[in-house]
PDB file of all heavy atoms in Angstrom:
ATOM      1  N   LEU A   1      85.572  90.774 117.154  1.00  0.00           N
ATOM      2  CA  LEU A   1      85.168  91.210 118.490  1.00  0.00           C
ATOM      3  C   LEU A   1      85.928  90.463 119.582  1.00  0.00           C
ATOM      4  O   LEU A   1      86.093  90.976 120.690  1.00  0.00           O
ATOM      5  CB  LEU A   1      83.665  91.040 118.668  1.00  0.00           C
ATOM      6  CG  LEU A   1      82.803  91.912 117.748  1.00  0.00           C
ATOM      7  CD1 LEU A   1      81.325  91.691 118.041  1.00  0.00           C
ATOM      8  CD2 LEU A   1      83.158  93.386 117.894  1.00  0.00           C
ATOM      9  N   GLU A   2      86.421  89.283 119.262  1.00  0.00           N
ATOM     10  CA  GLU A   2      87.266  88.567 120.214  1.00  0.00           C
ATOM     11  C   GLU A   2      88.572  89.336 120.424  1.00  0.00           C
ATOM     12  O   GLU A   2      89.110  89.395 121.538  1.00  0.00           O
ATOM     13  CB  GLU A   2      87.554  87.157 119.700  1.00  0.00           C
ATOM     14  CG  GLU A   2      86.313  86.290 119.541  1.00  0.00           C
ATOM     15  CD  GLU A   2      86.625  84.942 118.920  1.00  0.00           C
ATOM     16  OE1 GLU A   2      87.825  84.584 118.840  1.00  0.00           O
ATOM     17  OE2 GLU A   2      85.682  84.249 118.513  1.00  0.00           O
ATOM     18  N   LYS A   3      89.071  89.932 119.359  1.00  0.00           N
ATOM     19  CA  LYS A   3      90.282  90.751 119.455  1.00  0.00           C
ATOM     20  C   LYS A   3      90.018  91.995 120.302  1.00  0.00           C
ATOM     21  O   LYS A   3      90.865  92.410 121.092  1.00  0.00           O
ATOM     22  CB  LYS A   3      90.761  91.150 118.067  1.00  0.00           C
ATOM     23  CG  LYS A   3      92.105  91.859 118.056  1.00  0.00           C
ATOM     24  CD  LYS A   3      92.433  92.426 116.688  1.00  0.00           C
ATOM     25  CE  LYS A   3      92.441  91.349 115.640  1.00  0.00           C
ATOM     26  NZ  LYS A   3      92.801  91.902 114.312  1.00  0.00           N
ATOM     27  N   VAL A   4      88.838  92.575 120.138  1.00  0.00           N
ATOM     28  CA  VAL A   4      88.468  93.734 120.947  1.00  0.00           C
ATOM     29  C   VAL A   4      88.512  93.375 122.426  1.00  0.00           C
ATOM     30  O   VAL A   4      89.077  94.103 123.248  1.00  0.00           O
ATOM     31  CB  VAL A   4      87.076  94.259 120.555  1.00  0.00           C
ATOM     32  CG1 VAL A   4      86.632  95.379 121.490  1.00  0.00           C
ATOM     33  CG2 VAL A   4      87.076  94.757 119.110  1.00  0.00           C
ATOM     34  N   SER A   5      87.930  92.239 122.773  1.00  0.00           N
ATOM     35  CA  SER A   5      87.927  91.790 124.169  1.00  0.00           C
ATOM     36  C   SER A   5      89.339  91.579 124.682  1.00  0.00           C
ATOM     37  O   SER A   5      89.676  91.957 125.821  1.00  0.00           O
ATOM     38  CB  SER A   5      87.123  90.495 124.305  1.00  0.00           C
ATOM     39  OG  SER A   5      85.772  90.699 123.991  1.00  0.00           O
ATOM     40  N   ARG A   6      90.168  90.981 123.850  1.00  0.00           N
ATOM     41  CA  ARG A   6      91.551  90.726 124.241  1.00  0.00           C
ATOM     42  C   ARG A   6      92.297  92.034 124.475  1.00  0.00           C
ATOM     43  O   ARG A   6      93.014  92.195 125.467  1.00  0.00           O
ATOM     44  CB  ARG A   6      92.238  89.895 123.154  1.00  0.00           C
ATOM     45  CG  ARG A   6      93.733  89.700 123.339  1.00  0.00           C
ATOM     46  CD  ARG A   6      94.059  88.934 124.592  1.00  0.00           C
ATOM     47  NE  ARG A   6      95.487  88.701 124.708  1.00  0.00           N
ATOM     48  CZ  ARG A   6      96.136  88.562 125.855  1.00  0.00           C
ATOM     49  NH1 ARG A   6      95.462  88.642 127.013  1.00  0.00           N
ATOM     50  NH2 ARG A   6      97.423  88.329 125.877  1.00  0.00           N
ATOM     51  N   LEU A   7      92.109  92.994 123.585  1.00  0.00           N
ATOM     52  CA  LEU A   7      92.796  94.279 123.735  1.00  0.00           C
ATOM     53  C   LEU A   7      92.268  95.065 124.933  1.00  0.00           C
ATOM     54  O   LEU A   7      93.043  95.754 125.611  1.00  0.00           O
ATOM     55  CB  LEU A   7      92.648  95.095 122.453  1.00  0.00           C
ATOM     56  CG  LEU A   7      93.564  94.633 121.310  1.00  0.00           C
ATOM     57  CD1 LEU A   7      93.106  95.200 119.983  1.00  0.00           C
ATOM     58  CD2 LEU A   7      95.011  95.033 121.595  1.00  0.00           C
ATOM     59  N   ALA A   8      90.989  94.953 125.206  1.00  0.00           N
ATOM     60  CA  ALA A   8      90.439  95.615 126.397  1.00  0.00           C
ATOM     61  C   ALA A   8      91.130  95.097 127.645  1.00  0.00           C
ATOM     62  O   ALA A   8      91.489  95.863 128.551  1.00  0.00           O
ATOM     63  CB  ALA A   8      88.937  95.392 126.471  1.00  0.00           C
ATOM     64  N   SER A   9      91.349  93.786 127.685  1.00  0.00           N
ATOM     65  CA  SER A   9      92.027  93.169 128.821  1.00  0.00           C
ATOM     66  C   SER A   9      93.487  93.628 128.895  1.00  0.00           C
ATOM     67  O   SER A   9      94.005  93.924 129.983  1.00  0.00           O
ATOM     68  CB  SER A   9      91.961  91.647 128.689  1.00  0.00           C
ATOM     69  OG  SER A   9      92.687  91.016 129.715  1.00  0.00           O
ATOM     70  N   MET A  10      94.146  93.703 127.753  1.00  0.00           N
ATOM     71  CA  MET A  10      95.541  94.130 127.716  1.00  0.00           C
ATOM     72  C   MET A  10      95.688  95.579 128.184  1.00  0.00           C
ATOM     73  O   MET A  10      96.631  95.920 128.907  1.00  0.00           O
ATOM     74  CB  MET A  10      96.093  93.957 126.300  1.00  0.00           C
ATOM     75  CG  MET A  10      96.241  92.507 125.865  1.00  0.00           C
ATOM     76  SD  MET A  10      96.538  92.311 124.076  1.00  0.00           S
ATOM     77  CE  MET A  10      98.162  93.066 123.903  1.00  0.00           C
ATOM     78  N   LEU A  11      94.763  96.442 127.784  1.00  0.00           N
ATOM     79  CA  LEU A  11      94.813  97.836 128.205  1.00  0.00           C
ATOM     80  C   LEU A  11      94.604  97.964 129.716  1.00  0.00           C
ATOM     81  O   LEU A  11      95.287  98.740 130.389  1.00  0.00           O
ATOM     82  CB  LEU A  11      93.773  98.658 127.444  1.00  0.00           C
ATOM     83  CG  LEU A  11      94.072  98.903 125.964  1.00  0.00           C
ATOM     84  CD1 LEU A  11      92.850  99.482 125.258  1.00  0.00           C
ATOM     85  CD2 LEU A  11      95.269  99.839 125.790  1.00  0.00           C
ATOM     86  N   ARG A  12      93.664  97.203 130.239  1.00  0.00           N
ATOM     87  CA  ARG A  12      93.429  97.234 131.694  1.00  0.00           C
ATOM     88  C   ARG A  12      94.661  96.764 132.445  1.00  0.00           C
ATOM     89  O   ARG A  12      95.022  97.324 133.489  1.00  0.00           O
ATOM     90  CB  ARG A  12      92.228  96.356 132.052  1.00  0.00           C
ATOM     91  CG  ARG A  12      90.877  96.931 131.657  1.00  0.00           C
ATOM     92  CD  ARG A  12      89.747  96.194 132.349  1.00  0.00           C
ATOM     93  NE  ARG A  12      89.710  94.781 131.996  1.00  0.00           N
ATOM     94  CZ  ARG A  12      89.036  94.277 130.972  1.00  0.00           C
ATOM     95  NH1 ARG A  12      88.327  95.078 130.184  1.00  0.00           N
ATOM     96  NH2 ARG A  12      89.054  92.984 130.721  1.00  0.00           N
ATOM     97  N   LYS A  13      95.312  95.751 131.918  1.00  0.00           N
ATOM     98  CA  LYS A  13      96.463  95.161 132.588  1.00  0.00           C
ATOM     99  C   LYS A  13      97.599  96.159 132.749  1.00  0.00           C
ATOM    100  O   LYS A  13      98.329  96.127 133.763  1.00  0.00           O
ATOM    101  CB  LYS A  13      96.942  93.930 131.820  1.00  0.00           C
ATOM    102  CG  LYS A  13      98.024  93.136 132.541  1.00  0.00           C
ATOM    103  CD  LYS A  13      98.331  91.837 131.804  1.00  0.00           C
ATOM    104  CE  LYS A  13      99.391  91.031 132.539  1.00  0.00           C
ATOM    105  NZ  LYS A  13      99.685  89.745 131.825  1.00  0.00           N
ATOM    106  N   ILE A  14      97.774  97.042 131.781  1.00  0.00           N
ATOM    107  CA  ILE A  14      98.864  98.012 131.877  1.00  0.00           C
ATOM    108  C   ILE A  14      98.393  99.353 132.460  1.00  0.00           C
ATOM    109  O   ILE A  14      99.156 100.311 132.532  1.00  0.00           O
ATOM    110  CB  ILE A  14      99.547  98.249 130.513  1.00  0.00           C
ATOM    111  CG1 ILE A  14      98.582  98.900 129.519  1.00  0.00           C
ATOM    112  CG2 ILE A  14     100.131  96.954 129.967  1.00  0.00           C
ATOM    113  CD1 ILE A  14      99.260  99.368 128.238  1.00  0.00           C
ATOM    114  N   GLY A  15      97.131  99.402 132.841  1.00  0.00           N
ATOM    115  CA  GLY A  15      96.594 100.622 133.437  1.00  0.00           C
ATOM    116  C   GLY A  15      96.380 101.750 132.445  1.00  0.00           C
ATOM    117  O   GLY A  15      96.367 102.925 132.816  1.00  0.00           O
ATOM    118  N   SER A  16      96.199 101.404 131.174  1.00  0.00           N
ATOM    119  CA  SER A  16      96.009 102.416 130.146  1.00  0.00           C
ATOM    120  C   SER A  16      94.557 102.888 130.102  1.00  0.00           C
ATOM    121  O   SER A  16      93.625 102.094 130.251  1.00  0.00           O
ATOM    122  CB  SER A  16      96.379 101.848 128.766  1.00  0.00           C
ATOM    123  OG  SER A  16      96.027 102.753 127.743  1.00  0.00           O
ATOM    124  N   ARG A  17      94.386 104.176 129.863  1.00  0.00           N
ATOM    125  CA  ARG A  17      93.055 104.751 129.706  1.00  0.00           C
ATOM    126  C   ARG A  17      92.761 105.051 128.233  1.00  0.00           C
ATOM    127  O   ARG A  17      91.861 105.831 127.916  1.00  0.00           O
ATOM    128  CB  ARG A  17      92.936 106.022 130.539  1.00  0.00           C
ATOM    129  CG  ARG A  17      93.159 105.775 132.026  1.00  0.00           C
ATOM    130  CD  ARG A  17      93.002 107.043 132.843  1.00  0.00           C
ATOM    131  NE  ARG A  17      91.638 107.553 132.811  1.00  0.00           N
ATOM    132  CZ  ARG A  17      91.247 108.667 133.418  1.00  0.00           C
ATOM    133  NH1 ARG A  17      92.122 109.395 134.089  1.00  0.00           N
ATOM    134  NH2 ARG A  17      89.996 109.067 133.335  1.00  0.00           N
ATOM    135  N   ALA A  18      93.515 104.423 127.357  1.00  0.00           N
ATOM    136  CA  ALA A  18      93.319 104.635 125.927  1.00  0.00           C
ATOM    137  C   ALA A  18      91.931 104.185 125.499  1.00  0.00           C
ATOM    138  O   ALA A  18      91.384 103.201 126.007  1.00  0.00           O
ATOM    139  CB  ALA A  18      94.381 103.878 125.132  1.00  0.00           C
ATOM    140  N   HIS A  19      91.361 104.916 124.546  1.00  0.00           N
ATOM    141  CA  HIS A  19      90.092 104.509 123.962  1.00  0.00           C
ATOM    142  C   HIS A  19      90.292 103.240 123.140  1.00  0.00           C
ATOM    143  O   HIS A  19      91.373 103.010 122.575  1.00  0.00           O
ATOM    144  CB  HIS A  19      89.533 105.602 123.056  1.00  0.00           C
ATOM    145  CG  HIS A  19      89.007 106.794 123.788  1.00  0.00           C
ATOM    146  ND1 HIS A  19      87.893 106.745 124.591  1.00  0.00           N
ATOM    147  CD2 HIS A  19      89.445 108.074 123.827  1.00  0.00           C
ATOM    148  CE1 HIS A  19      87.655 107.946 125.092  1.00  0.00           C
ATOM    149  NE2 HIS A  19      88.588 108.763 124.662  1.00  0.00           N
ATOM    150  N   LEU A  20      89.224 102.454 123.045  1.00  0.00           N
ATOM    151  CA  LEU A  20      89.222 101.261 122.208  1.00  0.00           C
ATOM    152  C   LEU A  20      88.113 101.448 121.175  1.00  0.00           C
ATOM    153  O   LEU A  20      86.928 101.451 121.509  1.00  0.00           O
ATOM    154  CB  LEU A  20      88.997 100.015 123.063  1.00  0.00           C
ATOM    155  CG  LEU A  20      89.066  98.652 122.374  1.00  0.00           C
ATOM    156  CD1 LEU A  20      90.333  98.518 121.533  1.00  0.00           C
ATOM    157  CD2 LEU A  20      89.017  97.538 123.427  1.00  0.00           C
ATOM    158  N   GLN A  21      88.516 101.650 119.947  1.00  0.00           N
ATOM    159  CA  GLN A  21      87.599 101.999 118.863  1.00  0.00           C
ATOM    160  C   GLN A  21      87.408 100.817 117.921  1.00  0.00           C
ATOM    161  O   GLN A  21      88.340 100.043 117.686  1.00  0.00           O
ATOM    162  CB  GLN A  21      88.163 103.195 118.086  1.00  0.00           C
ATOM    163  CG  GLN A  21      87.275 103.743 116.986  1.00  0.00           C
ATOM    164  CD  GLN A  21      87.924 104.923 116.282  1.00  0.00           C
ATOM    165  OE1 GLN A  21      88.912 104.752 115.546  1.00  0.00           O
ATOM    166  NE2 GLN A  21      87.409 106.130 116.502  1.00  0.00           N
ATOM    167  N   VAL A  22      86.200 100.693 117.372  1.00  0.00           N
ATOM    168  CA  VAL A  22      85.937  99.687 116.335  1.00  0.00           C
ATOM    169  C   VAL A  22      85.377 100.385 115.109  1.00  0.00           C
ATOM    170  O   VAL A  22      84.644 101.365 115.215  1.00  0.00           O
ATOM    171  CB  VAL A  22      84.973  98.584 116.804  1.00  0.00           C
ATOM    172  CG1 VAL A  22      85.594  97.740 117.901  1.00  0.00           C
ATOM    173  CG2 VAL A  22      83.648  99.172 117.267  1.00  0.00           C
ATOM    174  N   ASP A  23      85.726  99.849 113.946  1.00  0.00           N
ATOM    175  CA  ASP A  23      85.300 100.449 112.685  1.00  0.00           C
ATOM    176  C   ASP A  23      85.012  99.343 111.685  1.00  0.00           C
ATOM    177  O   ASP A  23      85.894  98.550 111.360  1.00  0.00           O
ATOM    178  CB  ASP A  23      86.403 101.376 112.156  1.00  0.00           C
ATOM    179  CG  ASP A  23      86.002 102.092 110.868  1.00  0.00           C
ATOM    180  OD1 ASP A  23      84.865 101.909 110.398  1.00  0.00           O
ATOM    181  OD2 ASP A  23      86.835 102.847 110.347  1.00  0.00           O
ATOM    182  N   GLY A  24      83.762  99.326 111.196  1.00  0.00           N
ATOM    183  CA  GLY A  24      83.390  98.377 110.159  1.00  0.00           C
ATOM    184  C   GLY A  24      82.131  97.606 110.509  1.00  0.00           C
ATOM    185  O   GLY A  24      82.126  96.833 111.458  1.00  0.00           O
ATOM    186  N   GLY A  25      81.069  97.861 109.774  1.00  0.00           N
ATOM    187  CA  GLY A  25      79.831  97.117 109.978  1.00  0.00           C
ATOM    188  C   GLY A  25      79.095  97.462 111.253  1.00  0.00           C
ATOM    189  O   GLY A  25      78.323  96.635 111.760  1.00  0.00           O
ATOM    190  N   ILE A  26      79.301  98.668 111.765  1.00  0.00           N
ATOM    191  CA  ILE A  26      78.642  99.048 113.015  1.00  0.00           C
ATOM    192  C   ILE A  26      77.281  99.665 112.721  1.00  0.00           C
ATOM    193  O   ILE A  26      77.172 100.649 111.996  1.00  0.00           O
ATOM    194  CB  ILE A  26      79.500 100.037 113.829  1.00  0.00           C
ATOM    195  CG1 ILE A  26      80.848  99.398 114.187  1.00  0.00           C
ATOM    196  CG2 ILE A  26      78.763 100.475 115.088  1.00  0.00           C
ATOM    197  CD1 ILE A  26      80.740  98.155 115.068  1.00  0.00           C
ATOM    198  N   ASP A  27      76.244  99.064 113.292  1.00  0.00           N
ATOM    199  CA  ASP A  27      74.887  99.585 113.205  1.00  0.00           C
ATOM    200  C   ASP A  27      74.239  99.417 114.569  1.00  0.00           C
ATOM    201  O   ASP A  27      74.919  99.112 115.553  1.00  0.00           O
ATOM    202  CB  ASP A  27      74.084  98.888 112.100  1.00  0.00           C
ATOM    203  CG  ASP A  27      74.072  97.364 112.245  1.00  0.00           C
ATOM    204  OD1 ASP A  27      74.242  96.853 113.385  1.00  0.00           O
ATOM    205  OD2 ASP A  27      73.889  96.676 111.233  1.00  0.00           O
ATOM    206  N   VAL A  28      72.937  99.607 114.647  1.00  0.00           N
ATOM    207  CA  VAL A  28      72.261  99.516 115.947  1.00  0.00           C
ATOM    208  C   VAL A  28      72.421  98.127 116.550  1.00  0.00           C
ATOM    209  O   VAL A  28      72.529  97.971 117.770  1.00  0.00           O
ATOM    210  CB  VAL A  28      70.774  99.895 115.813  1.00  0.00           C
ATOM    211  CG1 VAL A  28      70.056  99.729 117.145  1.00  0.00           C
ATOM    212  CG2 VAL A  28      70.635 101.332 115.332  1.00  0.00           C
ATOM    213  N   LEU A  29      72.443  97.112 115.713  1.00  0.00           N
ATOM    214  CA  LEU A  29      72.571  95.739 116.216  1.00  0.00           C
ATOM    215  C   LEU A  29      73.986  95.437 116.694  1.00  0.00           C
ATOM    216  O   LEU A  29      74.198  94.959 117.801  1.00  0.00           O
ATOM    217  CB  LEU A  29      72.182  94.745 115.119  1.00  0.00           C
ATOM    218  CG  LEU A  29      70.723  94.750 114.661  1.00  0.00           C
ATOM    219  CD1 LEU A  29      70.565  93.863 113.445  1.00  0.00           C
ATOM    220  CD2 LEU A  29      69.804  94.290 115.781  1.00  0.00           C
ATOM    221  N   THR A  30      74.971  95.719 115.834  1.00  0.00           N
ATOM    222  CA  THR A  30      76.346  95.336 116.160  1.00  0.00           C
ATOM    223  C   THR A  30      77.012  96.294 117.140  1.00  0.00           C
ATOM    224  O   THR A  30      78.007  95.930 117.773  1.00  0.00           O
ATOM    225  CB  THR A  30      77.192  95.249 114.879  1.00  0.00           C
ATOM    226  OG1 THR A  30      77.128  96.507 114.191  1.00  0.00           O
ATOM    227  CG2 THR A  30      76.666  94.153 113.958  1.00  0.00           C
ATOM    228  N   ALA A  31      76.493  97.500 117.273  1.00  0.00           N
ATOM    229  CA  ALA A  31      77.077  98.457 118.215  1.00  0.00           C
ATOM    230  C   ALA A  31      77.084  97.903 119.627  1.00  0.00           C
ATOM    231  O   ALA A  31      78.062  98.053 120.372  1.00  0.00           O
ATOM    232  CB  ALA A  31      76.298  99.779 118.174  1.00  0.00           C
TER     233      ALA A  31
END
């Protein structure tokens, strides 16, 4: 999830509107 945060910042920095998807172990708690 630290990588997710880092990539979210990188996408904002370049003005990208790309989706940021996560896959693996996602349930009501981790979502």
